[in-house]
C-alpha atoms as a PDB file:
ATOM      1  CA  MET A   1       8.844  -8.637  23.232  1.00  0.00           C
ATOM      2  CA  LYS A   2       7.863  -9.755  19.698  1.00  0.00           C
ATOM      3  CA  ARG A   3      10.192  -8.222  16.970  1.00  0.00           C
ATOM      4  CA  ILE A   4       8.386  -7.440  13.807  1.00  0.00           C
ATOM      5  CA  LEU A   5      10.603  -7.065  10.594  1.00  0.00           C
ATOM      6  CA  VAL A   6       9.109  -4.541   8.056  1.00  0.00           C
ATOM      7  CA  THR A   7      10.480  -4.601   4.596  1.00  0.00           C
ATOM      8  CA  GLY A   8       9.836  -1.229   2.428  1.00  0.00           C
ATOM      9  CA  ALA A   9       9.772   0.260   5.959  1.00  0.00           C
ATOM     10  CA  THR A  10      10.555   3.864   4.753  1.00  0.00           C
ATOM     11  CA  GLY A  11       7.842   3.775   1.843  1.00  0.00           C
ATOM     12  CA  PHE A  12       4.473   5.324   1.873  1.00  0.00           C
ATOM     13  CA  ILE A  13       2.569   2.459   3.784  1.00  0.00           C
ATOM     14  CA  GLY A  14       5.468   0.947   5.518  1.00  0.00           C
ATOM     15  CA  SER A  15       6.339   4.288   7.350  1.00  0.00           C
ATOM     16  CA  HIS A  16       2.674   4.709   8.508  1.00  0.00           C
ATOM     17  CA  THR A  17       2.725   1.192   9.638  1.00  0.00           C
ATOM     18  CA  LEU A  18       5.869   1.644  11.633  1.00  0.00           C
ATOM     19  CA  VAL A  19       4.287   4.528  13.497  1.00  0.00           C
ATOM     20  CA  GLU A  20       1.196   2.442  14.405  1.00  0.00           C
ATOM     21  CA  LEU A  21       3.540  -0.417  15.429  1.00  0.00           C
ATOM     22  CA  ILE A  22       5.754   1.900  17.679  1.00  0.00           C
ATOM     23  CA  ASP A  23       2.756   3.432  19.207  1.00  0.00           C
ATOM     24  CA  ARG A  24       1.190  -0.082  20.190  1.00  0.00           C
ATOM     25  CA  GLY A  25       4.443  -0.954  21.803  1.00  0.00           C
ATOM     26  CA  TYR A  26       5.833  -3.359  19.221  1.00  0.00           C
ATOM     27  CA  SER A  27       9.656  -3.911  18.798  1.00  0.00           C
ATOM     28  CA  VAL A  28      10.410  -3.162  15.147  1.00  0.00           C
ATOM     29  CA  ILE A  29      13.344  -3.487  12.703  1.00  0.00           C
ATOM     30  CA  GLY A  30      12.724  -1.809   9.345  1.00  0.00           C
ATOM     31  CA  ILE A  31      14.701  -2.536   6.061  1.00  0.00           C
ATOM     32  CA  ASP A  32      14.594  -0.696   2.792  1.00  0.00           C
ATOM     33  CA  ASN A  33      17.037  -0.219  -0.113  1.00  0.00           C
ATOM     34  CA  LEU A  34      15.793   3.562  -0.340  1.00  0.00           C
ATOM     35  CA  ALA A  35      15.274   3.281  -4.178  1.00  0.00           C
ATOM     36  CA  ASN A  36      12.030   5.210  -3.681  1.00  0.00           C
ATOM     37  CA  SER A  37      12.059   6.628  -0.170  1.00  0.00           C
ATOM     38  CA  SER A  38      14.408   8.808   2.224  1.00  0.00           C
ATOM     39  CA  LEU A  39      16.169   8.171   5.330  1.00  0.00           C
ATOM     40  CA  ASP A  40      14.620  11.410   6.620  1.00  0.00           C
ATOM     41  CA  VAL A  41      11.369   9.342   7.119  1.00  0.00           C
ATOM     42  CA  LEU A  42      12.999   7.693  10.236  1.00  0.00           C
ATOM     43  CA  ASN A  43      13.580  11.159  11.804  1.00  0.00           C
ATOM     44  CA  ARG A  44      10.114  12.134  11.221  1.00  0.00           C
ATOM     45  CA  ILE A  45       8.740   9.030  12.603  1.00  0.00           C
ATOM     46  CA  LYS A  46      10.836   9.674  15.865  1.00  0.00           C
ATOM     47  CA  ASP A  47       9.084  13.149  15.711  1.00  0.00           C
ATOM     48  CA  ILE A  48       5.782  11.566  15.844  1.00  0.00           C
ATOM     49  CA  THR A  49       6.271   8.626  18.213  1.00  0.00           C
ATOM     50  CA  GLY A  50       9.345   9.726  20.211  1.00  0.00           C
ATOM     51  CA  ILE A  51      11.330   6.712  19.186  1.00  0.00           C
ATOM     52  CA  ARG A  52      13.675   6.355  16.095  1.00  0.00           C
ATOM     53  CA  PRO A  53      12.992   2.701  14.703  1.00  0.00           C
ATOM     54  CA  GLU A  54      15.731   0.417  14.353  1.00  0.00           C
ATOM     55  CA  PHE A  55      16.729   0.296  10.623  1.00  0.00           C
ATOM     56  CA  ARG A  56      19.128  -1.380   8.300  1.00  0.00           C
ATOM     57  CA  GLU A  57      19.662  -0.253   4.708  1.00  0.00           C
ATOM     58  CA  GLY A  58      19.632  -3.194   2.178  1.00  0.00           C
ATOM     59  CA  ASP A  59      18.045  -5.008  -0.687  1.00  0.00           C
ATOM     60  CA  ILE A  60      15.961  -8.130   0.102  1.00  0.00           C
ATOM     61  CA  ARG A  61      17.504  -9.593  -3.252  1.00  0.00           C
ATOM     62  CA  ASP A  62      20.676  -9.791  -1.223  1.00  0.00           C
ATOM     63  CA  LYS A  63      20.771 -13.211   0.493  1.00  0.00           C
ATOM     64  CA  GLU A  64      23.711 -12.321   2.858  1.00  0.00           C
ATOM     65  CA  PHE A  65      22.035  -9.187   3.848  1.00  0.00           C
ATOM     66  CA  LEU A  66      18.757 -11.047   4.739  1.00  0.00           C
ATOM     67  CA  ASN A  67      20.468 -13.786   6.485  1.00  0.00           C
ATOM     68  CA  HIS A  68      22.432 -11.308   8.642  1.00  0.00           C
ATOM     69  CA  ILE A  69      19.175  -9.469   9.646  1.00  0.00           C
ATOM     70  CA  PHE A  70      17.495 -12.799  10.824  1.00  0.00           C
ATOM     71  CA  GLN A  71      20.649 -13.872  12.541  1.00  0.00           C
ATOM     72  CA  MET A  72      21.123 -10.551  14.317  1.00  0.00           C
ATOM     73  CA  PHE A  73      17.494  -9.832  15.380  1.00  0.00           C
ATOM     74  CA  GLU A  74      15.019 -12.302  16.877  1.00  0.00           C
ATOM     75  CA  VAL A  75      12.226 -11.848  14.453  1.00  0.00           C
ATOM     76  CA  ASP A  76       8.736 -13.220  15.165  1.00  0.00           C
ATOM     77  CA  SER A  77       6.791 -11.954  12.147  1.00  0.00           C
ATOM     78  CA  VAL A  78       7.461 -10.199   8.821  1.00  0.00           C
ATOM     79  CA  ILE A  79       5.431  -7.552   7.223  1.00  0.00           C
ATOM     80  CA  HIS A  80       6.271  -7.351   3.487  1.00  0.00           C
ATOM     81  CA  PHE A  81       5.825  -4.063   1.832  1.00  0.00           C
ATOM     82  CA  ALA A  82       8.951  -3.821  -0.318  1.00  0.00           C
ATOM     83  CA  GLY A  83       8.266  -3.661  -4.172  1.00  0.00           C
ATOM     84  CA  TYR A  84       7.649  -1.398  -7.025  1.00  0.00           C
ATOM     85  CA  LYS A  85       4.061  -0.179  -7.578  1.00  0.00           C
ATOM     86  CA  ALA A  86       3.529   2.068 -10.699  1.00  0.00           C
ATOM     87  CA  VAL A  87       1.313   0.246 -13.059  1.00  0.00           C
ATOM     88  CA  ASP A  88       2.358   2.447 -16.240  1.00  0.00           C
ATOM     89  CA  GLU A  89       6.156   1.745 -15.425  1.00  0.00           C
ATOM     90  CA  SER A  90       5.492  -1.953 -14.991  1.00  0.00           C
ATOM     91  CA  VAL A  91       4.345  -1.982 -18.630  1.00  0.00           C
ATOM     92  CA  ARG A  92       7.290  -0.175 -19.806  1.00  0.00           C
ATOM     93  CA  GLU A  93       9.719  -2.244 -17.623  1.00  0.00           C
ATOM     94  CA  PRO A  94       8.246  -5.585 -16.841  1.00  0.00           C
ATOM     95  CA  MET A  95      11.404  -7.350 -15.988  1.00  0.00           C
ATOM     96  CA  LEU A  96      12.390  -4.681 -13.341  1.00  0.00           C
ATOM     97  CA  TYR A  97       8.952  -5.569 -11.652  1.00  0.00           C
ATOM     98  CA  TYR A  98       9.468  -9.347 -11.768  1.00  0.00           C
ATOM     99  CA  SER A  99      12.954  -8.862 -10.441  1.00  0.00           C
ATOM    100  CA  ASN A 100      12.156  -6.282  -7.673  1.00  0.00           C
ATOM    101  CA  ASN A 101       8.686  -7.784  -6.736  1.00  0.00           C
ATOM    102  CA  LEU A 102       8.504 -11.496  -7.452  1.00  0.00           C
ATOM    103  CA  ILE A 103      11.996 -12.757  -7.355  1.00  0.00           C
ATOM    104  CA  ALA A 104      12.706 -10.419  -4.278  1.00  0.00           C
ATOM    105  CA  THR A 105       9.802 -12.018  -2.433  1.00  0.00           C
ATOM    106  CA  GLN A 106      10.997 -15.580  -3.355  1.00  0.00           C
ATOM    107  CA  LEU A 107      14.325 -14.815  -1.822  1.00  0.00           C
ATOM    108  CA  LEU A 108      12.648 -13.300   1.274  1.00  0.00           C
ATOM    109  CA  LEU A 109      10.513 -16.405   1.700  1.00  0.00           C
ATOM    110  CA  GLU A 110      13.542 -18.566   1.304  1.00  0.00           C
ATOM    111  CA  ALA A 111      15.483 -16.639   4.032  1.00  0.00           C
ATOM    112  CA  MET A 112      12.488 -16.742   6.324  1.00  0.00           C
ATOM    113  CA  GLN A 113      12.180 -20.662   5.885  1.00  0.00           C
ATOM    114  CA  LYS A 114      15.890 -21.076   6.430  1.00  0.00           C
ATOM    115  CA  ASN A 115      15.707 -19.255   9.681  1.00  0.00           C
ATOM    116  CA  GLY A 116      12.505 -20.835  10.987  1.00  0.00           C
ATOM    117  CA  ILE A 117      10.262 -17.824  10.781  1.00  0.00           C
ATOM    118  CA  LYS A 118       6.812 -18.718   9.147  1.00  0.00           C
ATOM    119  CA  LYS A 119       4.488 -15.777  10.079  1.00  0.00           C
ATOM    120  CA  LEU A 120       3.871 -13.277   7.252  1.00  0.00           C
ATOM    121  CA  ILE A 121       1.682 -10.397   6.413  1.00  0.00           C
ATOM    122  CA  PHE A 122       1.945  -9.582   2.562  1.00  0.00           C
ATOM    123  CA  SER A 123       1.183  -6.354   0.860  1.00  0.00           C
ATOM    124  CA  SER A 124      -0.994  -7.372  -2.122  1.00  0.00           C
ATOM    125  CA  SER A 125      -3.340  -5.174  -4.159  1.00  0.00           C
ATOM    126  CA  CYS A 126      -6.761  -5.068  -5.666  1.00  0.00           C
ATOM    127  CA  THR A 127      -5.086  -5.127  -9.122  1.00  0.00           C
ATOM    128  CA  VAL A 128      -5.019  -8.830  -8.862  1.00  0.00           C
ATOM    129  CA  TYR A 129      -8.639  -8.709  -9.740  1.00  0.00           C
ATOM    130  CA  GLY A 130      -8.181  -6.974 -13.065  1.00  0.00           C
ATOM    131  CA  ASP A 131     -11.272  -5.599 -14.587  1.00  0.00           C
ATOM    132  CA  SER A 132     -13.871  -7.125 -12.391  1.00  0.00           C
ATOM    133  CA  LYS A 133     -17.146  -7.327 -13.960  1.00  0.00           C
ATOM    134  CA  TYR A 134     -18.974  -7.106 -10.432  1.00  0.00           C
ATOM    135  CA  VAL A 135     -18.876  -4.857  -7.501  1.00  0.00           C
ATOM    136  CA  PRO A 136     -18.380  -4.925  -4.627  1.00  0.00           C
ATOM    137  CA  ILE A 137     -15.348  -7.126  -5.199  1.00  0.00           C
ATOM    138  CA  THR A 138     -15.199  -9.997  -2.644  1.00  0.00           C
ATOM    139  CA  GLU A 139     -12.168 -12.438  -1.980  1.00  0.00           C
ATOM    140  CA  GLU A 140     -13.774 -15.002  -3.993  1.00  0.00           C
ATOM    141  CA  SER A 141     -13.998 -12.695  -7.064  1.00  0.00           C
ATOM    142  CA  GLU A 142     -12.052 -13.819 -10.158  1.00  0.00           C
ATOM    143  CA  THR A 143      -8.356 -12.861 -10.282  1.00  0.00           C
ATOM    144  CA  CYS A 144      -7.182 -11.763 -13.694  1.00  0.00           C
ATOM    145  CA  PRO A 145      -4.769  -8.952 -13.439  1.00  0.00           C
ATOM    146  CA  VAL A 146      -4.318  -6.847 -16.744  1.00  0.00           C
ATOM    147  CA  ASN A 147      -0.815  -5.470 -16.123  1.00  0.00           C
ATOM    148  CA  PRO A 148       2.770  -6.656 -15.084  1.00  0.00           C
ATOM    149  CA  TYR A 149       2.511  -4.883 -11.641  1.00  0.00           C
ATOM    150  CA  GLY A 150      -0.720  -6.831 -10.977  1.00  0.00           C
ATOM    151  CA  ARG A 151       0.533 -10.087 -12.261  1.00  0.00           C
ATOM    152  CA  THR A 152       3.459  -9.764  -9.784  1.00  0.00           C
ATOM    153  CA  LYS A 153       1.082  -9.684  -6.840  1.00  0.00           C
ATOM    154  CA  TYR A 154      -0.869 -12.627  -8.550  1.00  0.00           C
ATOM    155  CA  TYR A 155       2.059 -14.716  -8.887  1.00  0.00           C
ATOM    156  CA  ILE A 156       3.340 -13.881  -5.368  1.00  0.00           C
ATOM    157  CA  GLU A 157      -0.064 -14.872  -4.102  1.00  0.00           C
ATOM    158  CA  ASN A 158       0.082 -18.318  -5.783  1.00  0.00           C
ATOM    159  CA  MET A 159       3.626 -18.732  -4.473  1.00  0.00           C
ATOM    160  CA  LEU A 160       2.332 -17.994  -1.062  1.00  0.00           C
ATOM    161  CA  ARG A 161      -0.586 -20.363  -1.450  1.00  0.00           C
ATOM    162  CA  ASP A 162       1.768 -23.210  -2.608  1.00  0.00           C
ATOM    163  CA  LEU A 163       4.155 -22.562   0.299  1.00  0.00           C
ATOM    164  CA  SER A 164       1.450 -22.813   2.720  1.00  0.00           C
ATOM    165  CA  CYS A 165       0.127 -25.951   1.356  1.00  0.00           C
ATOM    166  CA  SER A 166       3.439 -27.517   1.482  1.00  0.00           C
ATOM    167  CA  ASP A 167       3.872 -26.789   5.203  1.00  0.00           C
ATOM    168  CA  SER A 168       1.298 -26.387   7.633  1.00  0.00           C
ATOM    169  CA  HIS A 169       3.362 -24.267  10.082  1.00  0.00           C
ATOM    170  CA  TRP A 170       2.881 -21.134   7.843  1.00  0.00           C
ATOM    171  CA  LYS A 171       0.649 -18.418   8.970  1.00  0.00           C
ATOM    172  CA  ILE A 172      -0.022 -16.105   6.080  1.00  0.00           C
ATOM    173  CA  LEU A 173      -2.500 -13.044   5.846  1.00  0.00           C
ATOM    174  CA  ASN A 174      -2.575 -11.839   2.173  1.00  0.00           C
ATOM    175  CA  LEU A 175      -3.892  -8.193   2.242  1.00  0.00           C
ATOM    176  CA  ARG A 176      -5.427  -6.726  -1.026  1.00  0.00           C
ATOM    177  CA  TYR A 177      -5.354  -3.060  -0.772  1.00  0.00           C
ATOM    178  CA  PHE A 178      -7.805  -0.736  -2.452  1.00  0.00           C
ATOM    179  CA  ASN A 179      -6.014   2.781  -3.263  1.00  0.00           C
ATOM    180  CA  PRO A 180      -4.374   3.968  -0.217  1.00  0.00           C
ATOM    181  CA  VAL A 181      -4.351   7.852  -0.006  1.00  0.00           C
ATOM    182  CA  GLY A 182      -3.993  10.723   2.460  1.00  0.00           C
ATOM    183  CA  ALA A 183      -1.152  11.379   4.905  1.00  0.00           C
ATOM    184  CA  HIS A 184      -0.331  11.220   8.562  1.00  0.00           C
ATOM    185  CA  PRO A 185      -2.522  14.029  10.297  1.00  0.00           C
ATOM    186  CA  THR A 186       0.724  15.687  11.591  1.00  0.00           C
ATOM    187  CA  GLY A 187       1.956  16.367   7.821  1.00  0.00           C
ATOM    188  CA  LEU A 188       5.212  14.816   8.858  1.00  0.00           C
ATOM    189  CA  ILE A 189       5.004  11.560   6.540  1.00  0.00           C
ATOM    190  CA  GLY A 190       2.971  11.062   3.397  1.00  0.00           C
ATOM    191  CA  GLU A 191       3.209  10.130  -0.270  1.00  0.00           C
ATOM    192  CA  ASP A 192       6.301  11.269  -2.224  1.00  0.00           C
ATOM    193  CA  PRO A 193       6.377   9.988  -5.809  1.00  0.00           C
ATOM    194  CA  LEU A 194       9.265  10.378  -7.880  1.00  0.00           C
ATOM    195  CA  GLY A 195       8.637  11.956 -11.354  1.00  0.00           C
ATOM    196  CA  ILE A 196       5.075  12.390 -12.525  1.00  0.00           C
ATOM    197  CA  PRO A 197       2.536  10.817 -10.195  1.00  0.00           C
ATOM    198  CA  ASN A 198       0.746   7.785 -11.320  1.00  0.00           C
ATOM    199  CA  ASN A 199      -1.984   8.101  -8.623  1.00  0.00           C
ATOM    200  CA  LEU A 200      -4.878  10.518  -8.440  1.00  0.00           C
ATOM    201  CA  PHE A 201      -4.052  12.080  -5.086  1.00  0.00           C
ATOM    202  CA  PRO A 202      -0.492  13.288  -5.690  1.00  0.00           C
ATOM    203  CA  PHE A 203      -1.540  14.378  -9.013  1.00  0.00           C
ATOM    204  CA  LEU A 204      -4.320  16.358  -7.332  1.00  0.00           C
ATOM    205  CA  THR A 205      -2.238  18.121  -4.574  1.00  0.00           C
ATOM    206  CA  GLN A 206       0.620  18.847  -6.859  1.00  0.00           C
ATOM    207  CA  THR A 207      -1.838  20.633  -9.245  1.00  0.00           C
ATOM    208  CA  ALA A 208      -3.470  22.502  -6.374  1.00  0.00           C
ATOM    209  CA  ILE A 209      -0.056  23.677  -5.087  1.00  0.00           C
ATOM    210  CA  GLY A 210       0.887  24.965  -8.547  1.00  0.00           C
ATOM    211  CA  LYS A 211       3.438  22.242  -9.559  1.00  0.00           C
ATOM    212  CA  ARG A 212       1.230  21.186 -12.506  1.00  0.00           C
ATOM    213  CA  ASP A 213      -0.813  23.340 -14.847  1.00  0.00           C
ATOM    214  CA  ALA A 214      -3.926  21.522 -14.890  1.00  0.00           C
ATOM    215  CA  MET A 215      -5.543  18.354 -13.291  1.00  0.00           C
ATOM    216  CA  LEU A 216      -6.242  15.723 -15.828  1.00  0.00           C
ATOM    217  CA  VAL A 217      -9.237  13.556 -15.520  1.00  0.00           C
ATOM    218  CA  PHE A 218      -8.638  10.372 -17.725  1.00  0.00           C
ATOM    219  CA  GLY A 219     -11.937   9.461 -19.113  1.00  0.00           C
ATOM    220  CA  SER A 220     -15.327  11.195 -18.911  1.00  0.00           C
ATOM    221  CA  ASP A 221     -17.514   8.497 -20.636  1.00  0.00           C
ATOM    222  CA  TYR A 222     -17.573   5.517 -18.437  1.00  0.00           C
ATOM    223  CA  ASP A 223     -20.886   3.941 -17.382  1.00  0.00           C
ATOM    224  CA  THR A 224     -20.906   5.849 -14.007  1.00  0.00           C
ATOM    225  CA  PRO A 225     -23.138   8.646 -12.655  1.00  0.00           C
ATOM    226  CA  ASP A 226     -20.663  11.403 -13.639  1.00  0.00           C
ATOM    227  CA  GLY A 227     -18.795   9.468 -16.344  1.00  0.00           C
ATOM    228  CA  THR A 228     -15.625   9.137 -14.496  1.00  0.00           C
ATOM    229  CA  CYS A 229     -13.925   6.074 -12.851  1.00  0.00           C
ATOM    230  CA  ILE A 230     -15.221   4.905  -9.466  1.00  0.00           C
ATOM    231  CA  ARG A 231     -12.459   3.653  -6.837  1.00  0.00           C
ATOM    232  CA  ASP A 232     -12.412   2.580  -3.208  1.00  0.00           C
ATOM    233  CA  TYR A 233     -10.037   5.083  -1.599  1.00  0.00           C
ATOM    234  CA  ILE A 234      -8.762   4.020   2.126  1.00  0.00           C
ATOM    235  CA  HIS A 235      -6.959   6.494   4.519  1.00  0.00           C
ATOM    236  CA  VAL A 236      -3.286   5.141   4.850  1.00  0.00           C
ATOM    237  CA  VAL A 237      -3.594   5.466   8.531  1.00  0.00           C
ATOM    238  CA  ASP A 238      -6.610   3.090   8.569  1.00  0.00           C
ATOM    239  CA  LEU A 239      -4.617   0.917   6.302  1.00  0.00           C
ATOM    240  CA  ALA A 240      -1.739   0.962   8.818  1.00  0.00           C
ATOM    241  CA  LYS A 241      -4.088   0.035  11.704  1.00  0.00           C
ATOM    242  CA  GLY A 242      -5.317  -2.885   9.487  1.00  0.00           C
ATOM    243  CA  HIS A 243      -1.847  -4.190   9.658  1.00  0.00           C
ATOM    244  CA  LEU A 244      -1.814  -4.113  13.381  1.00  0.00           C
ATOM    245  CA  ALA A 245      -5.193  -5.960  13.310  1.00  0.00           C
ATOM    246  CA  ALA A 246      -3.756  -8.575  10.942  1.00  0.00           C
ATOM    247  CA  LEU A 247      -0.621  -9.012  13.226  1.00  0.00           C
ATOM    248  CA  GLU A 248      -2.882  -9.566  16.341  1.00  0.00           C
ATOM    249  CA  ALA A 249      -5.081 -12.096  14.136  1.00  0.00           C
ATOM    250  CA  LEU A 250      -1.939 -13.956  12.919  1.00  0.00           C
ATOM    251  CA  ASP A 251      -1.560 -16.365  15.636  1.00  0.00           C
ATOM    252  CA  ASN A 252      -5.073 -17.631  15.461  1.00  0.00           C
ATOM    253  CA  ILE A 253      -5.080 -18.469  11.655  1.00  0.00           C
ATOM    254  CA  GLN A 254      -3.769 -21.582   9.851  1.00  0.00           C
ATOM    255  CA  GLY A 255      -2.429 -21.558   6.299  1.00  0.00           C
ATOM    256  CA  ILE A 256      -3.110 -18.670   4.162  1.00  0.00           C
ATOM    257  CA  ASN A 257      -5.999 -16.042   4.199  1.00  0.00           C
ATOM    258  CA  PHE A 258      -6.936 -13.479   1.541  1.00  0.00           C
ATOM    259  CA  ILE A 259      -8.492 -10.242   2.732  1.00  0.00           C
ATOM    260  CA  ASN A 260      -9.526  -7.076   1.180  1.00  0.00           C
ATOM    261  CA  LEU A 261      -8.746  -3.786   2.819  1.00  0.00           C
ATOM    262  CA  GLY A 262     -10.646  -0.965   1.747  1.00  0.00           C
ATOM    263  CA  THR A 263     -13.767   1.155   2.941  1.00  0.00           C
ATOM    264  CA  GLY A 264     -16.300  -0.594   0.974  1.00  0.00           C
ATOM    265  CA  ASN A 265     -17.440   2.632  -0.665  1.00  0.00           C
ATOM    266  CA  GLY A 266     -16.786   4.037  -4.088  1.00  0.00           C
ATOM    267  CA  SER A 267     -15.968   7.595  -5.069  1.00  0.00           C
ATOM    268  CA  SER A 268     -15.752   9.003  -8.556  1.00  0.00           C
ATOM    269  CA  VAL A 269     -12.545  10.970  -9.790  1.00  0.00           C
ATOM    270  CA  LEU A 270     -14.837  14.025 -10.155  1.00  0.00           C
ATOM    271  CA  GLU A 271     -16.319  13.627  -6.696  1.00  0.00           C
ATOM    272  CA  ILE A 272     -12.754  13.525  -5.292  1.00  0.00           C
ATOM    273  CA  VAL A 273     -11.613  16.783  -7.178  1.00  0.00           C
ATOM    274  CA  ASN A 274     -14.894  18.678  -6.299  1.00  0.00           C
ATOM    275  CA  THR A 275     -14.716  17.600  -2.696  1.00  0.00           C
ATOM    276  CA  PHE A 276     -11.040  18.413  -2.560  1.00  0.00           C
ATOM    277  CA  LYS A 277     -11.591  21.956  -3.655  1.00  0.00           C
ATOM    278  CA  LYS A 278     -14.480  22.318  -1.123  1.00  0.00           C
ATOM    279  CA  VAL A 279     -12.710  20.927   1.957  1.00  0.00           C
ATOM    280  CA  ASN A 280      -9.495  22.776   1.271  1.00  0.00           C
ATOM    281  CA  ASP A 281     -10.794  25.773  -0.188  1.00  0.00           C
ATOM    282  CA  VAL A 282      -8.611  25.819  -3.378  1.00  0.00           C
ATOM    283  CA  GLU A 283      -9.207  26.361  -7.029  1.00  0.00           C
ATOM    284  CA  PHE A 284      -7.250  24.937 -10.003  1.00  0.00           C
ATOM    285  CA  ILE A 285      -8.009  23.958 -13.701  1.00  0.00           C
ATOM    286  CA  VAL A 286      -9.475  20.550 -14.427  1.00  0.00           C
ATOM    287  CA  GLU A 287      -9.111  19.139 -17.938  1.00  0.00           C
ATOM    288  CA  MET A 288     -10.826  16.115 -19.395  1.00  0.00           C
ATOM    289  CA  ALA A 289      -8.322  13.728 -21.118  1.00  0.00           C
ATOM    290  CA  PRO A 290      -8.748  10.214 -22.939  1.00  0.00           C
ATOM    291  CA  ARG A 291      -9.220   7.030 -21.031  1.00  0.00           C
ATOM    292  CA  ARG A 292      -6.093   5.275 -19.963  1.00  0.00           C
ATOM    293  CA  LYS A 293      -5.770   1.802 -21.152  1.00  0.00           C
ATOM    294  CA  GLY A 294      -6.756  -0.827 -18.519  1.00  0.00           C
ATOM    295  CA  ASP A 295      -8.719   1.388 -16.347  1.00  0.00           C
ATOM    296  CA  ALA A 296     -11.827  -0.300 -15.008  1.00  0.00           C
ATOM    297  CA  ALA A 297     -15.156   1.634 -14.618  1.00  0.00           C
ATOM    298  CA  LYS A 298     -16.001   0.746 -11.107  1.00  0.00           C
ATOM    299  CA  VAL A 299     -13.939  -0.925  -8.140  1.00  0.00           C
ATOM    300  CA  TRP A 300     -14.792  -1.055  -4.739  1.00  0.00           C
ATOM    301  CA  ALA A 301     -14.303  -3.656  -2.039  1.00  0.00           C
ATOM    302  CA  ASP A 302     -16.483  -5.918  -0.066  1.00  0.00           C
ATOM    303  CA  THR A 303     -14.899  -5.682   3.552  1.00  0.00           C
ATOM    304  CA  THR A 304     -16.999  -8.208   5.291  1.00  0.00           C
ATOM    305  CA  LYS A 305     -14.150 -10.596   5.661  1.00  0.00           C
ATOM    306  CA  ALA A 306     -11.838  -7.931   7.163  1.00  0.00           C
ATOM    307  CA  LYS A 307     -14.506  -7.190   9.811  1.00  0.00           C
ATOM    308  CA  LYS A 308     -14.943 -10.850  10.551  1.00  0.00           C
ATOM    309  CA  VAL A 309     -11.305 -12.166  10.593  1.00  0.00           C
ATOM    310  CA  LEU A 310      -9.544  -8.989  11.614  1.00  0.00           C
ATOM    311  CA  LYS A 311     -12.194  -7.261  13.735  1.00  0.00           C
ATOM    312  CA  TRP A 312     -11.113  -4.165  11.739  1.00  0.00           C
ATOM    313  CA  LYS A 313     -12.949  -1.639   9.668  1.00  0.00           C
ATOM    314  CA  SER A 314     -11.997   1.756   8.156  1.00  0.00           C
ATOM    315  CA  GLU A 315     -12.896   4.915  10.187  1.00  0.00           C
ATOM    316  CA  LEU A 316     -11.487   7.938   8.480  1.00  0.00           C
ATOM    317  CA  THR A 317     -13.697   9.765   5.934  1.00  0.00           C
ATOM    318  CA  LEU A 318     -13.118  11.148   2.401  1.00  0.00           C
ATOM    319  CA  GLU A 319     -12.882  14.464   3.877  1.00  0.00           C
ATOM    320  CA  ASP A 320     -10.143  13.430   6.184  1.00  0.00           C
ATOM    321  CA  MET A 321      -8.039  11.867   3.381  1.00  0.00           C
ATOM    322  CA  LEU A 322      -8.400  15.023   1.220  1.00  0.00           C
ATOM    323  CA  ARG A 323      -7.597  17.142   4.212  1.00  0.00           C
ATOM    324  CA  ASP A 324      -4.470  15.099   5.198  1.00  0.00           C
ATOM    325  CA  ALA A 325      -3.078  14.719   1.733  1.00  0.00           C
ATOM    326  CA  TRP A 326      -3.341  18.620   1.398  1.00  0.00           C
ATOM    327  CA  ASN A 327      -1.809  19.233   4.737  1.00  0.00           C
ATOM    328  CA  TRP A 328       1.279  17.064   3.796  1.00  0.00           C
ATOM    329  CA  GLN A 329       1.669  18.738   0.344  1.00  0.00           C
ATOM    330  CA  GLN A 330       1.606  22.109   1.822  1.00  0.00           C
ATOM    331  CA  LYS A 331       4.024  21.369   4.531  1.00  0.00           C
ATOM    332  CA  ASN A 332       6.209  19.397   2.195  1.00  0.00           C
ATOM    333  CA  PRO A 333       5.908  21.023  -1.289  1.00  0.00           C
ATOM    334  CA  ASN A 334       8.989  19.101  -2.555  1.00  0.00           C
ATOM    335  CA  GLY A 335       8.611  15.859  -0.578  1.00  0.00           C
ATOM    336  CA  TYR A 336      11.302  14.496   1.738  1.00  0.00           C
ATOM    337  CA  ILE A 337      14.064  17.070   1.019  1.00  0.00           C
END
């Protein structure tokens, strides 16, 4: 049976992907340094799937740890999620992001190469496109990230491109995510940000449950129908299933492929807020705030390539995303505690 190594396994996307992998019958080994996640995730995955995944706590910047993992387990492919992802924090602490995202990935690739493992699915981001002038965004759109987080993904993508050019045995699927949201429909696993949320959905659910006084909407004067930013939000379960599709496609590709994972549809911030209130029958205060530096007006994906190469497309609706996010928040008002 193929053994799949998942880095960042107890994080938001990693945990949902573990569930899908286990349900599909894959043998998995998860690793995470638990800097932004909890061991309780593993027990909850067992509650969902009936199986507690094999797990080792450790940092992928630790060469001994990585080599031990590759020597202990017969790994066929790696799905690499591990990394920090807060844009604002990356601006304040860029060296932290270059160390934890870029250098850590270099060390992971070196360990894979040393142990003869050359199949990789990499967790990239639509932030590599920066403030794209045209929508929908295709994989051929200009890449020009505007913050340190996006640049770490951009530099890793270039590292992967160079690696695949140097050795034709590498098979790499580089997946560019567009705004993963929601939670598992059971409400057992979901997004649990530390401190003040950077993303819209946790801010929304925490306001609705009373942890925050008001929902702040950053910018109401963009060139969009209601003046607020438009984004492509994708349900995390759909995204996890996209990784299974990528895993199944991996053997049939050569070199590196860059693929957008989104819904192909954009929703404005106010549309999200108003639909959340309607779907979940809740009320809370909404306040307009100044624009945040670097926020683009409109961002959504062209998903043609994902349908062609991965035979995959998103299935869950915006209402599903909002309902599942609220279900998670209600069942876990303080996250994984």
